[in-house]
């Protein structure tokens, strides 16, 4: 094997997940380096690793850099041809690595890929964070083959073909190290949420493809680090979604996309209020404030980005909010494409 692979698990206070899932990673990844990059955990993660998993390398980071910054810090110190970024709450299955390696080896224009992600709690169903490959609509709302908003499809093989997708999930992503570093890695300002979509968007603009590789399947617990109805998570999702749209869209598109997105976000905030989730509604407003405050910094960046000539990224041509809430489309294959 002329390529090297490093499986890198970013961990923050996930000792219970490491104890539960590392044994399957070790069992199904023999011959590959497994590294746990610890984001300055305050639980017993590091002692546990030393004691129970001596074969796993430990990289201790001096502070909690979040998902985006944590991976950037860790990967600077790890040399490999391919990285597999793996969440601590993922159960891998037999021979999960080979199909992804084959895909990347055979297609130099593919910068990253993900396996099929099924739910660990409900194994016949796709899992929220990635399902069978991520997509993005015109307003940068993410959805997946197998998951639209909170509706998860049962996996009946309907998304089993290896195809180009818009983004690969950060829960389990195999990425060419050269491309990761060449594009500057994740945007650490995102802290957590959407940074993998932003990176994939930049990959498309640099002329690469992103794929899903359903011949490999893993099972993800999901919501492992921040529970779903968490106002901080709501804040990050809404703010980072706007950042991503602003960073990666053409000026012409921004004129209508940002106002449309802000209006739909406000509708979401109203929905939160109707559901008595006041803190989440506040988080949306806080996200908008934070986004507007950071515009000068990003405007400068956009001017620099413009110098690169991009391929157009394959965004879904519709509005997923309209498809889901108005047209009541719940399944990926029923979307008009």
C-alpha atoms as a PDB file:
ATOM      1  CA  UNK A   1       0.000   0.000   0.000  1.00  0.00           C
ATOM      2  CA  UNK A   2       1.655   3.206  -1.110  1.00  0.00           C
ATOM      3  CA  UNK A   3      -0.848   5.465   0.620  1.00  0.00           C
ATOM      4  CA  UNK A   4      -1.129   6.035   4.337  1.00  0.00           C
ATOM      5  CA  UNK A   5      -4.367   6.511   6.227  1.00  0.00           C
ATOM      6  CA  UNK A   6      -4.843   8.115   9.616  1.00  0.00           C
ATOM      7  CA  UNK A   7      -8.165   7.695  11.417  1.00  0.00           C
ATOM      8  CA  UNK A   8      -8.500  10.805  13.567  1.00  0.00           C
ATOM      9  CA  UNK A   9     -11.168  10.957  16.270  1.00  0.00           C
ATOM     10  CA  UNK A  10     -11.679  14.370  17.817  1.00  0.00           C
ATOM     11  CA  UNK A  11     -12.822  13.980  21.392  1.00  0.00           C
ATOM     12  CA  UNK A  12     -14.173  16.342  24.005  1.00  0.00           C
ATOM     13  CA  UNK A  13     -15.460  14.743  27.213  1.00  0.00           C
ATOM     14  CA  UNK A  14     -16.567  11.670  25.290  1.00  0.00           C
ATOM     15  CA  UNK A  15     -15.043   8.980  27.504  1.00  0.00           C
ATOM     16  CA  UNK A  16     -18.306   6.978  27.477  1.00  0.00           C
ATOM     17  CA  UNK A  17     -18.362   7.003  23.655  1.00  0.00           C
ATOM     18  CA  UNK A  18     -14.677   6.046  23.408  1.00  0.00           C
ATOM     19  CA  UNK A  19     -15.227   3.136  25.751  1.00  0.00           C
ATOM     20  CA  UNK A  20     -18.236   1.997  23.754  1.00  0.00           C
ATOM     21  CA  UNK A  21     -17.141   2.531  20.142  1.00  0.00           C
ATOM     22  CA  UNK A  22     -13.329   2.447  20.019  1.00  0.00           C
ATOM     23  CA  UNK A  23     -13.277  -1.373  20.259  1.00  0.00           C
ATOM     24  CA  UNK A  24     -15.199  -1.663  16.945  1.00  0.00           C
ATOM     25  CA  UNK A  25     -12.929   0.928  15.318  1.00  0.00           C
ATOM     26  CA  UNK A  26      -9.869  -1.033  16.443  1.00  0.00           C
ATOM     27  CA  UNK A  27     -11.370  -4.354  15.351  1.00  0.00           C
ATOM     28  CA  UNK A  28     -12.343  -3.180  11.858  1.00  0.00           C
ATOM     29  CA  UNK A  29      -9.347  -0.953  11.126  1.00  0.00           C
ATOM     30  CA  UNK A  30      -6.363  -3.184  11.716  1.00  0.00           C
ATOM     31  CA  UNK A  31      -3.182  -1.941  10.113  1.00  0.00           C
ATOM     32  CA  UNK A  32      -4.293   1.700  10.174  1.00  0.00           C
ATOM     33  CA  UNK A  33      -3.183   4.421  12.571  1.00  0.00           C
ATOM     34  CA  UNK A  34      -5.910   5.432  15.019  1.00  0.00           C
ATOM     35  CA  UNK A  35      -5.371   8.762  16.721  1.00  0.00           C
ATOM     36  CA  UNK A  36      -7.596  10.389  19.315  1.00  0.00           C
ATOM     37  CA  UNK A  37      -7.105  14.157  19.305  1.00  0.00           C
ATOM     38  CA  UNK A  38      -8.330  15.314  22.680  1.00  0.00           C
ATOM     39  CA  UNK A  39      -9.822  18.821  22.808  1.00  0.00           C
ATOM     40  CA  UNK A  40      -8.696  19.403  26.407  1.00  0.00           C
ATOM     41  CA  UNK A  41     -11.325  17.114  27.984  1.00  0.00           C
ATOM     42  CA  UNK A  42     -12.161  17.499  31.650  1.00  0.00           C
ATOM     43  CA  UNK A  43     -13.528  13.955  32.027  1.00  0.00           C
ATOM     44  CA  UNK A  44     -11.409  10.804  32.265  1.00  0.00           C
ATOM     45  CA  UNK A  45     -10.961  10.429  28.459  1.00  0.00           C
ATOM     46  CA  UNK A  46      -7.160  10.555  28.431  1.00  0.00           C
ATOM     47  CA  UNK A  47      -6.538   8.216  31.424  1.00  0.00           C
ATOM     48  CA  UNK A  48      -9.113   5.819  29.944  1.00  0.00           C
ATOM     49  CA  UNK A  49      -7.308   5.775  26.582  1.00  0.00           C
ATOM     50  CA  UNK A  50      -3.924   5.164  28.220  1.00  0.00           C
ATOM     51  CA  UNK A  51      -5.248   2.342  30.310  1.00  0.00           C
ATOM     52  CA  UNK A  52      -7.709   0.547  28.019  1.00  0.00           C
ATOM     53  CA  UNK A  53      -6.498   1.373  24.514  1.00  0.00           C
ATOM     54  CA  UNK A  54      -2.689   1.426  24.499  1.00  0.00           C
ATOM     55  CA  UNK A  55      -2.655   0.825  20.717  1.00  0.00           C
ATOM     56  CA  UNK A  56      -4.396   4.148  20.072  1.00  0.00           C
ATOM     57  CA  UNK A  57      -2.247   7.266  19.716  1.00  0.00           C
ATOM     58  CA  UNK A  58      -3.235  10.268  21.831  1.00  0.00           C
ATOM     59  CA  UNK A  59      -2.762  13.846  20.705  1.00  0.00           C
ATOM     60  CA  UNK A  60      -3.543  16.273  23.532  1.00  0.00           C
ATOM     61  CA  UNK A  61      -4.613  19.760  22.469  1.00  0.00           C
ATOM     62  CA  UNK A  62      -3.915  22.607  24.931  1.00  0.00           C
ATOM     63  CA  UNK A  63      -7.491  23.964  24.868  1.00  0.00           C
ATOM     64  CA  UNK A  64     -10.936  23.177  23.436  1.00  0.00           C
ATOM     65  CA  UNK A  65     -10.725  24.541  19.894  1.00  0.00           C
ATOM     66  CA  UNK A  66     -14.183  23.270  18.900  1.00  0.00           C
ATOM     67  CA  UNK A  67     -14.746  20.830  16.041  1.00  0.00           C
ATOM     68  CA  UNK A  68     -13.321  23.029  13.297  1.00  0.00           C
ATOM     69  CA  UNK A  69     -10.304  24.409  15.148  1.00  0.00           C
ATOM     70  CA  UNK A  70      -9.626  21.113  16.903  1.00  0.00           C
ATOM     71  CA  UNK A  71      -9.244  19.222  13.636  1.00  0.00           C
ATOM     72  CA  UNK A  72      -7.117  22.014  12.140  1.00  0.00           C
ATOM     73  CA  UNK A  73      -4.733  21.891  15.106  1.00  0.00           C
ATOM     74  CA  UNK A  74      -4.572  18.096  15.184  1.00  0.00           C
ATOM     75  CA  UNK A  75      -4.122  17.509  11.448  1.00  0.00           C
ATOM     76  CA  UNK A  76      -1.186  19.925  11.294  1.00  0.00           C
ATOM     77  CA  UNK A  77       0.686  17.330  13.315  1.00  0.00           C
ATOM     78  CA  UNK A  78      -0.425  14.193  11.475  1.00  0.00           C
ATOM     79  CA  UNK A  79       1.096  13.238   8.172  1.00  0.00           C
ATOM     80  CA  UNK A  80      -0.870  10.849   5.938  1.00  0.00           C
ATOM     81  CA  UNK A  81      -2.194  10.597   2.378  1.00  0.00           C
ATOM     82  CA  UNK A  82      -5.790  10.360   3.571  1.00  0.00           C
ATOM     83  CA  UNK A  83      -7.456  11.376   6.807  1.00  0.00           C
ATOM     84  CA  UNK A  84     -10.623   9.737   8.044  1.00  0.00           C
ATOM     85  CA  UNK A  85     -12.313  12.227  10.353  1.00  0.00           C
ATOM     86  CA  UNK A  86     -14.471  10.146  12.651  1.00  0.00           C
ATOM     87  CA  UNK A  87     -16.821  11.184  15.454  1.00  0.00           C
ATOM     88  CA  UNK A  88     -16.396   9.405  18.766  1.00  0.00           C
ATOM     89  CA  UNK A  89     -20.058   8.286  18.672  1.00  0.00           C
ATOM     90  CA  UNK A  90     -19.788   6.203  15.489  1.00  0.00           C
ATOM     91  CA  UNK A  91     -19.848   2.422  15.292  1.00  0.00           C
ATOM     92  CA  UNK A  92     -17.998   1.295  12.185  1.00  0.00           C
ATOM     93  CA  UNK A  93     -18.690  -1.980  10.379  1.00  0.00           C
ATOM     94  CA  UNK A  94     -16.454  -4.635   8.823  1.00  0.00           C
ATOM     95  CA  UNK A  95     -14.419  -3.464   5.837  1.00  0.00           C
ATOM     96  CA  UNK A  96     -15.652   0.115   6.120  1.00  0.00           C
ATOM     97  CA  UNK A  97     -12.398   1.673   4.877  1.00  0.00           C
ATOM     98  CA  UNK A  98     -11.587  -0.249   1.657  1.00  0.00           C
ATOM     99  CA  UNK A  99     -14.506   0.995  -0.511  1.00  0.00           C
ATOM    100  CA  UNK A 100     -13.674   4.617   0.322  1.00  0.00           C
ATOM    101  CA  UNK A 101      -9.962   4.132  -0.409  1.00  0.00           C
ATOM    102  CA  UNK A 102     -10.787   2.477  -3.738  1.00  0.00           C
ATOM    103  CA  UNK A 103     -13.060   5.365  -4.688  1.00  0.00           C
ATOM    104  CA  UNK A 104     -10.422   8.011  -3.933  1.00  0.00           C
ATOM    105  CA  UNK A 105      -7.602   6.027  -5.530  1.00  0.00           C
ATOM    106  CA  UNK A 106      -9.567   5.535  -8.747  1.00  0.00           C
ATOM    107  CA  UNK A 107     -10.788   9.150  -8.989  1.00  0.00           C
ATOM    108  CA  UNK A 108      -8.105  11.791  -8.376  1.00  0.00           C
ATOM    109  CA  UNK A 109     -10.684  14.555  -8.863  1.00  0.00           C
ATOM    110  CA  UNK A 110     -12.646  13.368  -5.790  1.00  0.00           C
ATOM    111  CA  UNK A 111     -11.331  15.265  -2.759  1.00  0.00           C
ATOM    112  CA  UNK A 112     -13.511  13.674  -0.086  1.00  0.00           C
ATOM    113  CA  UNK A 113     -16.140  11.024   0.448  1.00  0.00           C
ATOM    114  CA  UNK A 114     -18.366   9.678   3.191  1.00  0.00           C
ATOM    115  CA  UNK A 115     -19.861   6.270   3.895  1.00  0.00           C
ATOM    116  CA  UNK A 116     -23.585   5.690   4.277  1.00  0.00           C
ATOM    117  CA  UNK A 117     -24.597   6.912   7.740  1.00  0.00           C
ATOM    118  CA  UNK A 118     -27.335   4.972   9.474  1.00  0.00           C
ATOM    119  CA  UNK A 119     -28.816   5.631  12.863  1.00  0.00           C
ATOM    120  CA  UNK A 120     -27.265   3.719  15.744  1.00  0.00           C
ATOM    121  CA  UNK A 121     -30.518   3.962  17.733  1.00  0.00           C
ATOM    122  CA  UNK A 122     -32.712   2.919  14.832  1.00  0.00           C
ATOM    123  CA  UNK A 123     -30.471   0.879  12.599  1.00  0.00           C
ATOM    124  CA  UNK A 124     -32.767   0.453   9.585  1.00  0.00           C
ATOM    125  CA  UNK A 125     -32.991   4.230   9.151  1.00  0.00           C
ATOM    126  CA  UNK A 126     -30.623   6.861   7.845  1.00  0.00           C
ATOM    127  CA  UNK A 127     -29.057   9.190  10.371  1.00  0.00           C
ATOM    128  CA  UNK A 128     -29.511  12.954  10.384  1.00  0.00           C
ATOM    129  CA  UNK A 129     -25.842  13.965  10.024  1.00  0.00           C
ATOM    130  CA  UNK A 130     -25.138  12.920   6.455  1.00  0.00           C
ATOM    131  CA  UNK A 131     -27.452   9.987   5.625  1.00  0.00           C
ATOM    132  CA  UNK A 132     -26.346   8.924   2.110  1.00  0.00           C
ATOM    133  CA  UNK A 133     -24.634  12.168   1.144  1.00  0.00           C
ATOM    134  CA  UNK A 134     -25.310  15.831   1.767  1.00  0.00           C
ATOM    135  CA  UNK A 135     -26.996  18.346  -0.537  1.00  0.00           C
ATOM    136  CA  UNK A 136     -27.508  22.092  -0.349  1.00  0.00           C
ATOM    137  CA  UNK A 137     -30.305  24.214  -1.783  1.00  0.00           C
ATOM    138  CA  UNK A 138     -30.056  27.676  -3.355  1.00  0.00           C
ATOM    139  CA  UNK A 139     -30.301  29.386   0.059  1.00  0.00           C
ATOM    140  CA  UNK A 140     -27.663  27.101   1.619  1.00  0.00           C
ATOM    141  CA  UNK A 141     -30.140  25.030   3.649  1.00  0.00           C
ATOM    142  CA  UNK A 142     -28.599  21.558   3.995  1.00  0.00           C
ATOM    143  CA  UNK A 143     -30.427  18.263   3.517  1.00  0.00           C
ATOM    144  CA  UNK A 144     -29.381  14.736   2.527  1.00  0.00           C
ATOM    145  CA  UNK A 145     -30.153  11.805   0.317  1.00  0.00           C
ATOM    146  CA  UNK A 146     -32.329  10.049   2.869  1.00  0.00           C
ATOM    147  CA  UNK A 147     -33.005  12.980   5.211  1.00  0.00           C
ATOM    148  CA  UNK A 148     -34.937  16.211   4.648  1.00  0.00           C
ATOM    149  CA  UNK A 149     -35.044  18.432   7.741  1.00  0.00           C
ATOM    150  CA  UNK A 150     -36.138  16.095  10.543  1.00  0.00           C
ATOM    151  CA  UNK A 151     -37.654  13.382   8.334  1.00  0.00           C
ATOM    152  CA  UNK A 152     -35.442  10.305   8.072  1.00  0.00           C
ATOM    153  CA  UNK A 153     -36.030   7.635   5.441  1.00  0.00           C
ATOM    154  CA  UNK A 154     -35.720   3.927   6.046  1.00  0.00           C
ATOM    155  CA  UNK A 155     -32.726   2.566   4.142  1.00  0.00           C
ATOM    156  CA  UNK A 156     -34.109   0.158   1.565  1.00  0.00           C
ATOM    157  CA  UNK A 157     -31.186   0.492  -0.803  1.00  0.00           C
ATOM    158  CA  UNK A 158     -32.775   3.485  -2.573  1.00  0.00           C
ATOM    159  CA  UNK A 159     -29.581   5.546  -2.135  1.00  0.00           C
ATOM    160  CA  UNK A 160     -26.990   2.832  -2.671  1.00  0.00           C
ATOM    161  CA  UNK A 161     -25.223   4.241  -5.713  1.00  0.00           C
ATOM    162  CA  UNK A 162     -21.876   6.012  -5.295  1.00  0.00           C
ATOM    163  CA  UNK A 163     -22.640   9.478  -6.700  1.00  0.00           C
ATOM    164  CA  UNK A 164     -21.309  13.021  -6.445  1.00  0.00           C
ATOM    165  CA  UNK A 165     -22.932  14.924  -3.566  1.00  0.00           C
ATOM    166  CA  UNK A 166     -22.563  18.486  -2.355  1.00  0.00           C
ATOM    167  CA  UNK A 167     -21.086  17.747   1.061  1.00  0.00           C
ATOM    168  CA  UNK A 168     -19.725  14.855   3.079  1.00  0.00           C
ATOM    169  CA  UNK A 169     -20.508  14.664   6.775  1.00  0.00           C
ATOM    170  CA  UNK A 170     -17.979  15.599   9.437  1.00  0.00           C
ATOM    171  CA  UNK A 171     -19.197  12.571  11.423  1.00  0.00           C
ATOM    172  CA  UNK A 172     -17.232  10.320   9.072  1.00  0.00           C
ATOM    173  CA  UNK A 173     -15.353  11.870   6.183  1.00  0.00           C
ATOM    174  CA  UNK A 174     -12.393  10.533   4.242  1.00  0.00           C
ATOM    175  CA  UNK A 175     -10.417  13.417   2.789  1.00  0.00           C
ATOM    176  CA  UNK A 176      -7.204  13.862   0.821  1.00  0.00           C
ATOM    177  CA  UNK A 177      -4.718  15.451   3.214  1.00  0.00           C
ATOM    178  CA  UNK A 178      -3.202  17.542   0.410  1.00  0.00           C
ATOM    179  CA  UNK A 179      -6.569  19.094  -0.441  1.00  0.00           C
ATOM    180  CA  UNK A 180      -7.520  19.633   3.220  1.00  0.00           C
ATOM    181  CA  UNK A 181      -4.310  21.547   3.909  1.00  0.00           C
ATOM    182  CA  UNK A 182      -4.275  23.224   0.494  1.00  0.00           C
ATOM    183  CA  UNK A 183      -7.666  24.792   1.193  1.00  0.00           C
ATOM    184  CA  UNK A 184      -6.711  25.812   4.718  1.00  0.00           C
ATOM    185  CA  UNK A 185      -8.796  23.144   6.439  1.00  0.00           C
ATOM    186  CA  UNK A 186     -12.018  23.969   8.277  1.00  0.00           C
ATOM    187  CA  UNK A 187     -12.928  27.595   8.984  1.00  0.00           C
ATOM    188  CA  UNK A 188     -12.203  27.680  12.719  1.00  0.00           C
ATOM    189  CA  UNK A 189     -14.557  30.637  13.242  1.00  0.00           C
ATOM    190  CA  UNK A 190     -17.475  28.254  12.722  1.00  0.00           C
ATOM    191  CA  UNK A 191     -16.467  26.426  15.958  1.00  0.00           C
ATOM    192  CA  UNK A 192     -18.947  23.611  15.242  1.00  0.00           C
ATOM    193  CA  UNK A 193     -21.729  22.906  12.695  1.00  0.00           C
ATOM    194  CA  UNK A 194     -21.600  23.470   8.934  1.00  0.00           C
ATOM    195  CA  UNK A 195     -17.814  23.735   8.762  1.00  0.00           C
ATOM    196  CA  UNK A 196     -17.670  20.530   6.718  1.00  0.00           C
ATOM    197  CA  UNK A 197     -20.227  21.943   4.246  1.00  0.00           C
ATOM    198  CA  UNK A 198     -18.190  25.130   3.941  1.00  0.00           C
ATOM    199  CA  UNK A 199     -15.040  23.055   3.282  1.00  0.00           C
ATOM    200  CA  UNK A 200     -16.818  20.935   0.650  1.00  0.00           C
ATOM    201  CA  UNK A 201     -18.113  24.099  -1.017  1.00  0.00           C
ATOM    202  CA  UNK A 202     -14.523  25.332  -1.249  1.00  0.00           C
ATOM    203  CA  UNK A 203     -13.507  21.940  -2.690  1.00  0.00           C
ATOM    204  CA  UNK A 204     -16.099  22.323  -5.459  1.00  0.00           C
ATOM    205  CA  UNK A 205     -14.851  25.815  -6.192  1.00  0.00           C
ATOM    206  CA  UNK A 206     -11.297  24.499  -6.462  1.00  0.00           C
ATOM    207  CA  UNK A 207     -12.554  22.064  -9.116  1.00  0.00           C
ATOM    208  CA  UNK A 208     -12.857  18.889  -7.003  1.00  0.00           C
ATOM    209  CA  UNK A 209     -15.772  16.516  -6.494  1.00  0.00           C
ATOM    210  CA  UNK A 210     -17.241  15.138  -3.258  1.00  0.00           C
ATOM    211  CA  UNK A 211     -18.787  11.662  -3.214  1.00  0.00           C
ATOM    212  CA  UNK A 212     -20.866   9.333  -1.108  1.00  0.00           C
ATOM    213  CA  UNK A 213     -19.645   5.754  -0.943  1.00  0.00           C
ATOM    214  CA  UNK A 214     -22.607   3.629   0.229  1.00  0.00           C
ATOM    215  CA  UNK A 215     -20.620   0.377  -0.095  1.00  0.00           C
ATOM    216  CA  UNK A 216     -19.304   1.423   3.316  1.00  0.00           C
ATOM    217  CA  UNK A 217     -21.795   1.806   6.192  1.00  0.00           C
ATOM    218  CA  UNK A 218     -21.364   3.198   9.692  1.00  0.00           C
ATOM    219  CA  UNK A 219     -23.832   3.788  12.528  1.00  0.00           C
ATOM    220  CA  UNK A 220     -23.965   7.183  14.224  1.00  0.00           C
ATOM    221  CA  UNK A 221     -25.501   7.988  17.606  1.00  0.00           C
ATOM    222  CA  UNK A 222     -25.826  11.655  16.596  1.00  0.00           C
ATOM    223  CA  UNK A 223     -26.493  14.778  18.636  1.00  0.00           C
ATOM    224  CA  UNK A 224     -23.682  13.376  20.748  1.00  0.00           C
ATOM    225  CA  UNK A 225     -21.997  16.648  21.637  1.00  0.00           C
ATOM    226  CA  UNK A 226     -24.885  19.106  21.712  1.00  0.00           C
ATOM    227  CA  UNK A 227     -28.463  17.886  22.162  1.00  0.00           C
ATOM    228  CA  UNK A 228     -30.905  18.836  19.400  1.00  0.00           C
ATOM    229  CA  UNK A 229     -33.025  21.455  21.142  1.00  0.00           C
ATOM    230  CA  UNK A 230     -30.027  23.376  22.395  1.00  0.00           C
ATOM    231  CA  UNK A 231     -30.152  27.167  21.858  1.00  0.00           C
ATOM    232  CA  UNK A 232     -26.377  27.304  21.359  1.00  0.00           C
ATOM    233  CA  UNK A 233     -26.666  24.711  18.601  1.00  0.00           C
ATOM    234  CA  UNK A 234     -29.524  26.716  17.043  1.00  0.00           C
ATOM    235  CA  UNK A 235     -27.332  29.829  17.158  1.00  0.00           C
ATOM    236  CA  UNK A 236     -24.378  28.082  15.488  1.00  0.00           C
ATOM    237  CA  UNK A 237     -26.554  26.519  12.788  1.00  0.00           C
ATOM    238  CA  UNK A 238     -28.237  29.777  11.791  1.00  0.00           C
ATOM    239  CA  UNK A 239     -25.131  31.961  12.031  1.00  0.00           C
ATOM    240  CA  UNK A 240     -22.857  29.490  10.249  1.00  0.00           C
ATOM    241  CA  UNK A 241     -25.440  28.925   7.509  1.00  0.00           C
ATOM    242  CA  UNK A 242     -25.441  32.665   6.782  1.00  0.00           C
ATOM    243  CA  UNK A 243     -21.645  32.864   6.933  1.00  0.00           C
ATOM    244  CA  UNK A 244     -21.341  30.002   4.490  1.00  0.00           C
ATOM    245  CA  UNK A 245     -23.837  31.538   2.071  1.00  0.00           C
ATOM    246  CA  UNK A 246     -22.066  34.891   2.236  1.00  0.00           C
ATOM    247  CA  UNK A 247     -18.572  33.449   1.836  1.00  0.00           C
ATOM    248  CA  UNK A 248     -19.338  31.199  -1.107  1.00  0.00           C
ATOM    249  CA  UNK A 249     -21.986  32.939  -3.233  1.00  0.00           C
ATOM    250  CA  UNK A 250     -21.457  35.405  -6.068  1.00  0.00           C
ATOM    251  CA  UNK A 251     -22.247  39.071  -5.353  1.00  0.00           C
ATOM    252  CA  UNK A 252     -25.141  38.942  -7.805  1.00  0.00           C
ATOM    253  CA  UNK A 253     -26.682  35.972  -5.960  1.00  0.00           C
ATOM    254  CA  UNK A 254     -26.209  37.579  -2.556  1.00  0.00           C
ATOM    255  CA  UNK A 255     -28.497  40.483  -3.444  1.00  0.00           C
ATOM    256  CA  UNK A 256     -31.520  38.201  -3.256  1.00  0.00           C
ATOM    257  CA  UNK A 257     -30.211  35.212  -1.298  1.00  0.00           C
ATOM    258  CA  UNK A 258     -29.316  36.986   1.938  1.00  0.00           C
ATOM    259  CA  UNK A 259     -32.673  38.844   2.277  1.00  0.00           C
ATOM    260  CA  UNK A 260     -34.581  35.642   1.387  1.00  0.00           C
ATOM    261  CA  UNK A 261     -32.584  33.627   3.896  1.00  0.00           C
ATOM    262  CA  UNK A 262     -33.031  36.218   6.655  1.00  0.00           C
ATOM    263  CA  UNK A 263     -36.794  36.255   6.031  1.00  0.00           C
ATOM    264  CA  UNK A 264     -37.048  32.454   6.202  1.00  0.00           C
ATOM    265  CA  UNK A 265     -34.931  32.431   9.361  1.00  0.00           C
ATOM    266  CA  UNK A 266     -37.395  34.871  10.926  1.00  0.00           C
ATOM    267  CA  UNK A 267     -40.215  32.500   9.994  1.00  0.00           C
ATOM    268  CA  UNK A 268     -38.269  29.742  11.767  1.00  0.00           C
ATOM    269  CA  UNK A 269     -37.942  31.991  14.832  1.00  0.00           C
ATOM    270  CA  UNK A 270     -41.723  32.477  14.810  1.00  0.00           C
ATOM    271  CA  UNK A 271     -42.187  28.726  14.647  1.00  0.00           C
ATOM    272  CA  UNK A 272     -39.909  28.352  17.682  1.00  0.00           C
ATOM    273  CA  UNK A 273     -42.084  30.866  19.558  1.00  0.00           C
ATOM    274  CA  UNK A 274     -45.251  28.970  18.620  1.00  0.00           C
ATOM    275  CA  UNK A 275     -43.634  25.777  19.936  1.00  0.00           C
ATOM    276  CA  UNK A 276     -42.736  27.574  23.192  1.00  0.00           C
ATOM    277  CA  UNK A 277     -39.025  27.368  22.411  1.00  0.00           C
ATOM    278  CA  UNK A 278     -38.285  30.983  23.317  1.00  0.00           C
ATOM    279  CA  UNK A 279     -34.562  30.448  23.817  1.00  0.00           C
ATOM    280  CA  UNK A 280     -34.225  28.982  20.312  1.00  0.00           C
ATOM    281  CA  UNK A 281     -36.090  31.965  18.850  1.00  0.00           C
ATOM    282  CA  UNK A 282     -33.689  34.293  20.686  1.00  0.00           C
ATOM    283  CA  UNK A 283     -30.780  32.276  19.308  1.00  0.00           C
ATOM    284  CA  UNK A 284     -31.920  32.985  15.732  1.00  0.00           C
ATOM    285  CA  UNK A 285     -31.940  36.740  16.422  1.00  0.00           C
ATOM    286  CA  UNK A 286     -28.550  36.465  18.100  1.00  0.00           C
ATOM    287  CA  UNK A 287     -27.248  34.614  15.031  1.00  0.00           C
ATOM    288  CA  UNK A 288     -28.444  37.430  12.754  1.00  0.00           C
ATOM    289  CA  UNK A 289     -26.782  40.039  14.968  1.00  0.00           C
ATOM    290  CA  UNK A 290     -23.524  38.101  14.989  1.00  0.00           C
ATOM    291  CA  UNK A 291     -23.687  37.616  11.207  1.00  0.00           C
ATOM    292  CA  UNK A 292     -24.253  41.332  10.519  1.00  0.00           C
ATOM    293  CA  UNK A 293     -21.452  42.314  12.915  1.00  0.00           C
ATOM    294  CA  UNK A 294     -18.977  40.075  11.106  1.00  0.00           C
ATOM    295  CA  UNK A 295     -19.781  41.312   7.583  1.00  0.00           C
ATOM    296  CA  UNK A 296     -16.825  43.735   7.310  1.00  0.00           C
ATOM    297  CA  UNK A 297     -14.344  40.954   8.093  1.00  0.00           C
ATOM    298  CA  UNK A 298     -15.937  38.566   5.577  1.00  0.00           C
ATOM    299  CA  UNK A 299     -16.338  41.282   2.923  1.00  0.00           C
ATOM    300  CA  UNK A 300     -12.573  41.677   2.857  1.00  0.00           C
ATOM    301  CA  UNK A 301     -12.174  37.912   2.512  1.00  0.00           C
ATOM    302  CA  UNK A 302     -14.681  37.762  -0.336  1.00  0.00           C
ATOM    303  CA  UNK A 303     -12.621  40.268  -2.313  1.00  0.00           C
ATOM    304  CA  UNK A 304      -9.612  37.965  -2.024  1.00  0.00           C
ATOM    305  CA  UNK A 305     -11.631  34.847  -2.870  1.00  0.00           C
ATOM    306  CA  UNK A 306     -12.912  36.430  -6.062  1.00  0.00           C
ATOM    307  CA  UNK A 307      -9.490  36.134  -7.662  1.00  0.00           C
ATOM    308  CA  UNK A 308      -9.918  32.381  -8.056  1.00  0.00           C
ATOM    309  CA  UNK A 309     -11.929  31.188 -11.024  1.00  0.00           C
ATOM    310  CA  UNK A 310     -14.458  28.658  -9.794  1.00  0.00           C
ATOM    311  CA  UNK A 311     -16.466  25.897 -11.288  1.00  0.00           C
ATOM    312  CA  UNK A 312     -20.094  26.322 -10.345  1.00  0.00           C
ATOM    313  CA  UNK A 313     -20.951  24.183  -7.357  1.00  0.00           C
ATOM    314  CA  UNK A 314     -23.898  21.806  -7.963  1.00  0.00           C
ATOM    315  CA  UNK A 315     -26.517  23.317  -5.667  1.00  0.00           C
ATOM    316  CA  UNK A 316     -30.002  21.831  -5.655  1.00  0.00           C
ATOM    317  CA  UNK A 317     -31.979  24.143  -7.920  1.00  0.00           C
ATOM    318  CA  UNK A 318     -35.024  24.417  -5.696  1.00  0.00           C
ATOM    319  CA  UNK A 319     -35.928  25.705  -2.247  1.00  0.00           C
ATOM    320  CA  UNK A 320     -35.976  22.874   0.246  1.00  0.00           C
ATOM    321  CA  UNK A 321     -38.061  24.897   2.734  1.00  0.00           C
ATOM    322  CA  UNK A 322     -40.786  25.280   0.068  1.00  0.00           C
ATOM    323  CA  UNK A 323     -40.556  21.622  -1.002  1.00  0.00           C
ATOM    324  CA  UNK A 324     -40.830  20.363   2.542  1.00  0.00           C
ATOM    325  CA  UNK A 325     -43.266  22.721   4.241  1.00  0.00           C
ATOM    326  CA  UNK A 326     -45.477  23.740   1.312  1.00  0.00           C
ATOM    327  CA  UNK A 327     -45.266  20.888  -1.189  1.00  0.00           C
ATOM    328  CA  UNK A 328     -44.947  18.386   1.685  1.00  0.00           C
ATOM    329  CA  UNK A 329     -42.142  16.455  -0.009  1.00  0.00           C
ATOM    330  CA  UNK A 330     -40.625  14.123   2.570  1.00  0.00           C
ATOM    331  CA  UNK A 331     -38.457  11.807   0.456  1.00  0.00           C
ATOM    332  CA  UNK A 332     -35.302  12.746  -1.408  1.00  0.00           C
ATOM    333  CA  UNK A 333     -36.229  10.843  -4.572  1.00  0.00           C
ATOM    334  CA  UNK A 334     -39.505  12.779  -4.805  1.00  0.00           C
ATOM    335  CA  UNK A 335     -37.749  16.149  -5.117  1.00  0.00           C
ATOM    336  CA  UNK A 336     -37.902  17.723  -8.568  1.00  0.00           C
ATOM    337  CA  UNK A 337     -34.401  17.730 -10.024  1.00  0.00           C
END
